[in-house]
């Protein structure tokens, strides 16, 4: 069985969804949560890269005009 979001599964079952469909929906939700976590990680790395790039450019501009 794949990774599931237990709270989502429980909520779907409480709302009247059949357990097999609730399982499948919880698995799909977990897949999207993992994808979003990966995107957030890459976005954090890109943010740091841009910050370092801007700091480097700013230092070169300051060096050129002082």
PDB file of N, CA and C in Angstrom:
ATOM      1  N   UNK A   1       0.839  -1.171   0.000  1.00  0.00           N
ATOM      2  CA  UNK A   1       0.000   0.000   0.000  1.00  0.00           C
ATOM      3  C   UNK A   1       0.890   1.241   0.000  1.00  0.00           C
ATOM      4  N   UNK A   2       0.493   2.217  -0.780  1.00  0.00           N
ATOM      5  CA  UNK A   2       1.264   3.455  -0.888  1.00  0.00           C
ATOM      6  C   UNK A   2       1.012   4.350   0.319  1.00  0.00           C
ATOM      7  N   UNK A   3       1.826   5.381   0.402  1.00  0.00           N
ATOM      8  CA  UNK A   3       1.688   6.363   1.468  1.00  0.00           C
ATOM      9  C   UNK A   3       0.331   7.053   1.362  1.00  0.00           C
ATOM     10  N   UNK A   4      -0.322   7.266   2.506  1.00  0.00           N
ATOM     11  CA  UNK A   4      -1.641   7.901   2.515  1.00  0.00           C
ATOM     12  C   UNK A   4      -1.674   9.028   3.527  1.00  0.00           C
ATOM     13  N   UNK A   5      -2.607   9.924   3.315  1.00  0.00           N
ATOM     14  CA  UNK A   5      -2.895  10.957   4.296  1.00  0.00           C
ATOM     15  C   UNK A   5      -4.057  10.439   5.134  1.00  0.00           C
ATOM     16  N   UNK A   6      -3.767  10.010   6.352  1.00  0.00           N
ATOM     17  CA  UNK A   6      -4.765   9.359   7.197  1.00  0.00           C
ATOM     18  C   UNK A   6      -5.946  10.241   7.521  1.00  0.00           C
ATOM     19  N   UNK A   7      -5.705  11.513   7.794  1.00  0.00           N
ATOM     20  CA  UNK A   7      -6.804  12.415   8.132  1.00  0.00           C
ATOM     21  C   UNK A   7      -7.737  12.593   6.940  1.00  0.00           C
ATOM     22  N   UNK A   8      -7.168  12.676   5.738  1.00  0.00           N
ATOM     23  CA  UNK A   8      -7.996  12.805   4.537  1.00  0.00           C
ATOM     24  C   UNK A   8      -8.838  11.553   4.340  1.00  0.00           C
ATOM     25  N   UNK A   9      -8.228  10.381   4.514  1.00  0.00           N
ATOM     26  CA  UNK A   9      -8.962   9.119   4.367  1.00  0.00           C
ATOM     27  C   UNK A   9     -10.107   9.053   5.363  1.00  0.00           C
ATOM     28  N   UNK A  10      -9.820   9.385   6.616  1.00  0.00           N
ATOM     29  CA  UNK A  10     -10.860   9.343   7.642  1.00  0.00           C
ATOM     30  C   UNK A  10     -11.987  10.320   7.341  1.00  0.00           C
ATOM     31  N   UNK A  11     -11.624  11.509   6.860  1.00  0.00           N
ATOM     32  CA  UNK A  11     -12.646  12.509   6.543  1.00  0.00           C
ATOM     33  C   UNK A  11     -13.526  12.048   5.384  1.00  0.00           C
ATOM     34  N   UNK A  12     -12.917  11.429   4.386  1.00  0.00           N
ATOM     35  CA  UNK A  12     -13.703  10.953   3.249  1.00  0.00           C
ATOM     36  C   UNK A  12     -14.645   9.830   3.658  1.00  0.00           C
ATOM     37  N   UNK A  13     -14.165   8.929   4.506  1.00  0.00           N
ATOM     38  CA  UNK A  13     -15.024   7.844   4.982  1.00  0.00           C
ATOM     39  C   UNK A  13     -16.158   8.407   5.835  1.00  0.00           C
ATOM     40  N   UNK A  14     -15.852   9.383   6.679  1.00  0.00           N
ATOM     41  CA  UNK A  14     -16.888  10.001   7.504  1.00  0.00           C
ATOM     42  C   UNK A  14     -17.918  10.729   6.654  1.00  0.00           C
ATOM     43  N   UNK A  15     -17.481  11.224   5.484  1.00  0.00           N
ATOM     44  CA  UNK A  15     -18.405  11.925   4.595  1.00  0.00           C
ATOM     45  C   UNK A  15     -19.244  10.957   3.769  1.00  0.00           C
ATOM     46  N   UNK A  16     -18.946   9.661   3.858  1.00  0.00           N
ATOM     47  CA  UNK A  16     -19.775   8.669   3.178  1.00  0.00           C
ATOM     48  C   UNK A  16     -19.137   8.022   1.967  1.00  0.00           C
ATOM     49  N   UNK A  17     -17.863   8.298   1.718  1.00  0.00           N
ATOM     50  CA  UNK A  17     -17.190   7.666   0.581  1.00  0.00           C
ATOM     51  C   UNK A  17     -16.863   6.218   0.918  1.00  0.00           C
ATOM     52  N   UNK A  18     -16.927   5.332  -0.071  1.00  0.00           N
ATOM     53  CA  UNK A  18     -16.536   3.940   0.173  1.00  0.00           C
ATOM     54  C   UNK A  18     -15.049   3.865   0.570  1.00  0.00           C
ATOM     55  N   UNK A  19     -14.693   2.939   1.461  1.00  0.00           N
ATOM     56  CA  UNK A  19     -13.297   2.869   1.924  1.00  0.00           C
ATOM     57  C   UNK A  19     -12.264   2.692   0.821  1.00  0.00           C
ATOM     58  N   UNK A  20     -12.599   1.917  -0.225  1.00  0.00           N
ATOM     59  CA  UNK A  20     -11.614   1.722  -1.290  1.00  0.00           C
ATOM     60  C   UNK A  20     -11.358   3.005  -2.067  1.00  0.00           C
ATOM     61  N   UNK A  21     -12.407   3.779  -2.314  1.00  0.00           N
ATOM     62  CA  UNK A  21     -12.227   5.059  -2.999  1.00  0.00           C
ATOM     63  C   UNK A  21     -11.547   6.075  -2.089  1.00  0.00           C
ATOM     64  N   UNK A  22     -11.833   6.027  -0.795  1.00  0.00           N
ATOM     65  CA  UNK A  22     -11.168   6.927   0.154  1.00  0.00           C
ATOM     66  C   UNK A  22      -9.674   6.612   0.204  1.00  0.00           C
ATOM     67  N   UNK A  23      -9.315   5.325   0.153  1.00  0.00           N
ATOM     68  CA  UNK A  23      -7.905   4.935   0.134  1.00  0.00           C
ATOM     69  C   UNK A  23      -7.200   5.498  -1.094  1.00  0.00           C
ATOM     70  N   UNK A  24      -7.845   5.331  -2.246  1.00  0.00           N
ATOM     71  CA  UNK A  24      -7.238   5.800  -3.490  1.00  0.00           C
ATOM     72  C   UNK A  24      -7.078   7.320  -3.488  1.00  0.00           C
ATOM     73  N   UNK A  25      -8.072   8.036  -3.008  1.00  0.00           N
ATOM     74  CA  UNK A  25      -7.986   9.494  -2.954  1.00  0.00           C
ATOM     75  C   UNK A  25      -6.905   9.947  -1.973  1.00  0.00           C
ATOM     76  N   UNK A  26      -6.767   9.266  -0.858  1.00  0.00           N
ATOM     77  CA  UNK A  26      -5.726   9.621   0.117  1.00  0.00           C
ATOM     78  C   UNK A  26      -4.336   9.356  -0.450  1.00  0.00           C
ATOM     79  N   UNK A  27      -4.191   8.289  -1.230  1.00  0.00           N
ATOM     80  CA  UNK A  27      -2.908   8.011  -1.873  1.00  0.00           C
ATOM     81  C   UNK A  27      -2.563   9.105  -2.874  1.00  0.00           C
ATOM     82  N   UNK A  28      -3.538   9.536  -3.670  1.00  0.00           N
ATOM     83  CA  UNK A  28      -3.293  10.596  -4.640  1.00  0.00           C
ATOM     84  C   UNK A  28      -2.944  11.905  -3.930  1.00  0.00           C
ATOM     85  N   UNK A  29      -3.608  12.173  -2.832  1.00  0.00           N
ATOM     86  CA  UNK A  29      -3.289  13.377  -2.058  1.00  0.00           C
ATOM     87  C   UNK A  29      -1.867  13.348  -1.534  1.00  0.00           C
ATOM     88  N   UNK A  30      -1.409  12.188  -1.110  1.00  0.00           N
ATOM     89  CA  UNK A  30      -0.042  12.054  -0.605  1.00  0.00           C
ATOM     90  C   UNK A  30       0.973  12.272  -1.716  1.00  0.00           C
ATOM     91  N   UNK A  31       0.657  11.812  -2.920  1.00  0.00           N
ATOM     92  CA  UNK A  31       1.564  12.014  -4.059  1.00  0.00           C
ATOM     93  C   UNK A  31       1.712  13.503  -4.338  1.00  0.00           C
ATOM     94  N   UNK A  32       0.603  14.226  -4.348  1.00  0.00           N
ATOM     95  CA  UNK A  32       0.680  15.666  -4.602  1.00  0.00           C
ATOM     96  C   UNK A  32       1.401  16.396  -3.475  1.00  0.00           C
ATOM     97  N   UNK A  33       1.223  15.941  -2.252  1.00  0.00           N
ATOM     98  CA  UNK A  33       1.924  16.576  -1.131  1.00  0.00           C
ATOM     99  C   UNK A  33       3.434  16.395  -1.286  1.00  0.00           C
ATOM    100  N   UNK A  34       3.868  15.218  -1.724  1.00  0.00           N
ATOM    101  CA  UNK A  34       5.292  14.974  -1.947  1.00  0.00           C
ATOM    102  C   UNK A  34       5.834  15.844  -3.075  1.00  0.00           C
ATOM    103  N   UNK A  35       5.050  16.002  -4.134  1.00  0.00           N
ATOM    104  CA  UNK A  35       5.488  16.844  -5.248  1.00  0.00           C
ATOM    105  C   UNK A  35       5.628  18.290  -4.811  1.00  0.00           C
ATOM    106  N   UNK A  36       4.685  18.774  -4.024  1.00  0.00           N
ATOM    107  CA  UNK A  36       4.739  20.157  -3.553  1.00  0.00           C
ATOM    108  C   UNK A  36       5.936  20.356  -2.636  1.00  0.00           C
ATOM    109  N   UNK A  37       6.243  19.383  -1.802  1.00  0.00           N
ATOM    110  CA  UNK A  37       7.415  19.484  -0.929  1.00  0.00           C
ATOM    111  C   UNK A  37       8.691  19.584  -1.756  1.00  0.00           C
ATOM    112  N   UNK A  38       8.773  18.829  -2.831  1.00  0.00           N
ATOM    113  CA  UNK A  38       9.942  18.909  -3.711  1.00  0.00           C
ATOM    114  C   UNK A  38      10.064  20.265  -4.380  1.00  0.00           C
ATOM    115  N   UNK A  39       8.943  20.804  -4.803  1.00  0.00           N
ATOM    116  CA  UNK A  39       8.937  22.130  -5.426  1.00  0.00           C
ATOM    117  C   UNK A  39       9.367  23.186  -4.418  1.00  0.00           C
ATOM    118  N   UNK A  40       8.899  23.081  -3.185  1.00  0.00           N
ATOM    119  CA  UNK A  40       9.288  24.040  -2.153  1.00  0.00           C
ATOM    120  C   UNK A  40      10.782  23.982  -1.893  1.00  0.00           C
ATOM    121  N   UNK A  41      11.350  22.785  -1.890  1.00  0.00           N
ATOM    122  CA  UNK A  41      12.794  22.633  -1.668  1.00  0.00           C
ATOM    123  C   UNK A  41      13.577  23.309  -2.786  1.00  0.00           C
ATOM    124  N   UNK A  42      13.174  23.053  -4.021  1.00  0.00           N
ATOM    125  CA  UNK A  42      13.874  23.669  -5.149  1.00  0.00           C
ATOM    126  C   UNK A  42      13.712  25.182  -5.148  1.00  0.00           C
ATOM    127  N   UNK A  43      12.544  25.659  -4.751  1.00  0.00           N
ATOM    128  CA  UNK A  43      12.314  27.102  -4.695  1.00  0.00           C
ATOM    129  C   UNK A  43      13.203  27.750  -3.645  1.00  0.00           C
ATOM    130  N   UNK A  44      13.406  27.085  -2.526  1.00  0.00           N
ATOM    131  CA  UNK A  44      14.298  27.605  -1.490  1.00  0.00           C
ATOM    132  C   UNK A  44      15.729  27.711  -2.017  1.00  0.00           C
ATOM    133  N   UNK A  45      16.189  26.686  -2.716  1.00  0.00           N
ATOM    134  CA  UNK A  45      17.538  26.709  -3.288  1.00  0.00           C
ATOM    135  C   UNK A  45      17.661  27.838  -4.302  1.00  0.00           C
ATOM    136  N   UNK A  46      16.669  27.990  -5.157  1.00  0.00           N
ATOM    137  CA  UNK A  46      16.708  29.057  -6.158  1.00  0.00           C
ATOM    138  C   UNK A  46      16.708  30.438  -5.503  1.00  0.00           C
ATOM    139  N   UNK A  47      15.969  30.591  -4.412  1.00  0.00           N
ATOM    140  CA  UNK A  47      15.942  31.867  -3.704  1.00  0.00           C
ATOM    141  C   UNK A  47      17.328  32.215  -3.182  1.00  0.00           C
ATOM    142  N   UNK A  48      18.007  31.247  -2.608  1.00  0.00           N
ATOM    143  CA  UNK A  48      19.362  31.491  -2.106  1.00  0.00           C
ATOM    144  C   UNK A  48      20.317  31.805  -3.251  1.00  0.00           C
ATOM    145  N   UNK A  49      20.161  31.113  -4.367  1.00  0.00           N
ATOM    146  CA  UNK A  49      21.036  31.364  -5.511  1.00  0.00           C
ATOM    147  C   UNK A  49      20.852  32.782  -6.044  1.00  0.00           C
ATOM    148  N   UNK A  50      19.629  33.239  -6.150  1.00  0.00           N
ATOM    149  CA  UNK A  50      19.363  34.597  -6.632  1.00  0.00           C
ATOM    150  C   UNK A  50      19.891  35.625  -5.641  1.00  0.00           C
ATOM    151  N   UNK A  51      19.730  35.365  -4.349  1.00  0.00           N
ATOM    152  CA  UNK A  51      20.234  36.300  -3.342  1.00  0.00           C
ATOM    153  C   UNK A  51      21.755  36.423  -3.437  1.00  0.00           C
ATOM    154  N   UNK A  52      22.443  35.301  -3.593  1.00  0.00           N
ATOM    155  CA  UNK A  52      23.899  35.352  -3.730  1.00  0.00           C
ATOM    156  C   UNK A  52      24.318  36.055  -5.018  1.00  0.00           C
ATOM    157  N   UNK A  53      23.591  35.828  -6.075  1.00  0.00           N
ATOM    158  CA  UNK A  53      23.883  36.489  -7.344  1.00  0.00           C
ATOM    159  C   UNK A  53      23.710  37.999  -7.213  1.00  0.00           C
ATOM    160  N   UNK A  54      22.621  38.436  -6.614  1.00  0.00           N
ATOM    161  CA  UNK A  54      22.389  39.872  -6.427  1.00  0.00           C
ATOM    162  C   UNK A  54      23.440  40.494  -5.516  1.00  0.00           C
ATOM    163  N   UNK A  55      23.855  39.778  -4.490  1.00  0.00           N
ATOM    164  CA  UNK A  55      24.908  40.287  -3.607  1.00  0.00           C
ATOM    165  C   UNK A  55      26.218  40.434  -4.379  1.00  0.00           C
ATOM    166  N   UNK A  56      26.521  39.481  -5.227  1.00  0.00           N
ATOM    167  CA  UNK A  56      27.732  39.570  -6.038  1.00  0.00           C
ATOM    168  C   UNK A  56      27.693  40.727  -7.008  1.00  0.00           C
ATOM    169  N   UNK A  57      26.565  40.929  -7.654  1.00  0.00           N
ATOM    170  CA  UNK A  57      26.417  42.038  -8.589  1.00  0.00           C
ATOM    171  C   UNK A  57      26.521  43.372  -7.840  1.00  0.00           C
ATOM    172  N   UNK A  58      25.884  43.455  -6.691  1.00  0.00           N
ATOM    173  CA  UNK A  58      25.952  44.687  -5.906  1.00  0.00           C
ATOM    174  C   UNK A  58      27.388  44.984  -5.494  1.00  0.00           C
ATOM    175  N   UNK A  59      28.137  43.958  -5.112  1.00  0.00           N
ATOM    176  CA  UNK A  59      29.533  44.197  -4.720  1.00  0.00           C
ATOM    177  C   UNK A  59      30.364  44.658  -5.907  1.00  0.00           C
ATOM    178  N   UNK A  60      30.112  44.129  -7.093  1.00  0.00           N
ATOM    179  CA  UNK A  60      30.843  44.566  -8.276  1.00  0.00           C
ATOM    180  C   UNK A  60      30.499  45.998  -8.658  1.00  0.00           C
ATOM    181  N   UNK A  61      29.233  46.353  -8.524  1.00  0.00           N
ATOM    182  CA  UNK A  61      28.818  47.732  -8.828  1.00  0.00           C
ATOM    183  C   UNK A  61      29.465  48.699  -7.836  1.00  0.00           C
ATOM    184  N   UNK A  62      29.456  48.351  -6.569  1.00  0.00           N
ATOM    185  CA  UNK A  62      30.079  49.217  -5.564  1.00  0.00           C
ATOM    186  C   UNK A  62      31.577  49.346  -5.808  1.00  0.00           C
ATOM    187  N   UNK A  63      32.217  48.271  -6.183  1.00  0.00           N
ATOM    188  CA  UNK A  63      33.657  48.304  -6.453  1.00  0.00           C
ATOM    189  C   UNK A  63      33.964  49.159  -7.676  1.00  0.00           C
ATOM    190  N   UNK A  64      33.103  49.118  -8.671  1.00  0.00           N
ATOM    191  CA  UNK A  64      33.337  49.877  -9.909  1.00  0.00           C
ATOM    192  C   UNK A  64      33.173  51.374  -9.682  1.00  0.00           C
ATOM    193  N   UNK A  65      32.309  51.789  -8.780  1.00  0.00           N
ATOM    194  CA  UNK A  65      32.028  53.216  -8.581  1.00  0.00           C
ATOM    195  C   UNK A  65      32.688  53.812  -7.351  1.00  0.00           C
ATOM    196  N   UNK A  66      33.531  53.066  -6.663  1.00  0.00           N
ATOM    197  CA  UNK A  66      34.207  53.645  -5.490  1.00  0.00           C
ATOM    198  C   UNK A  66      35.700  53.657  -5.697  1.00  0.00           C
TER     199      UNK A  66
END
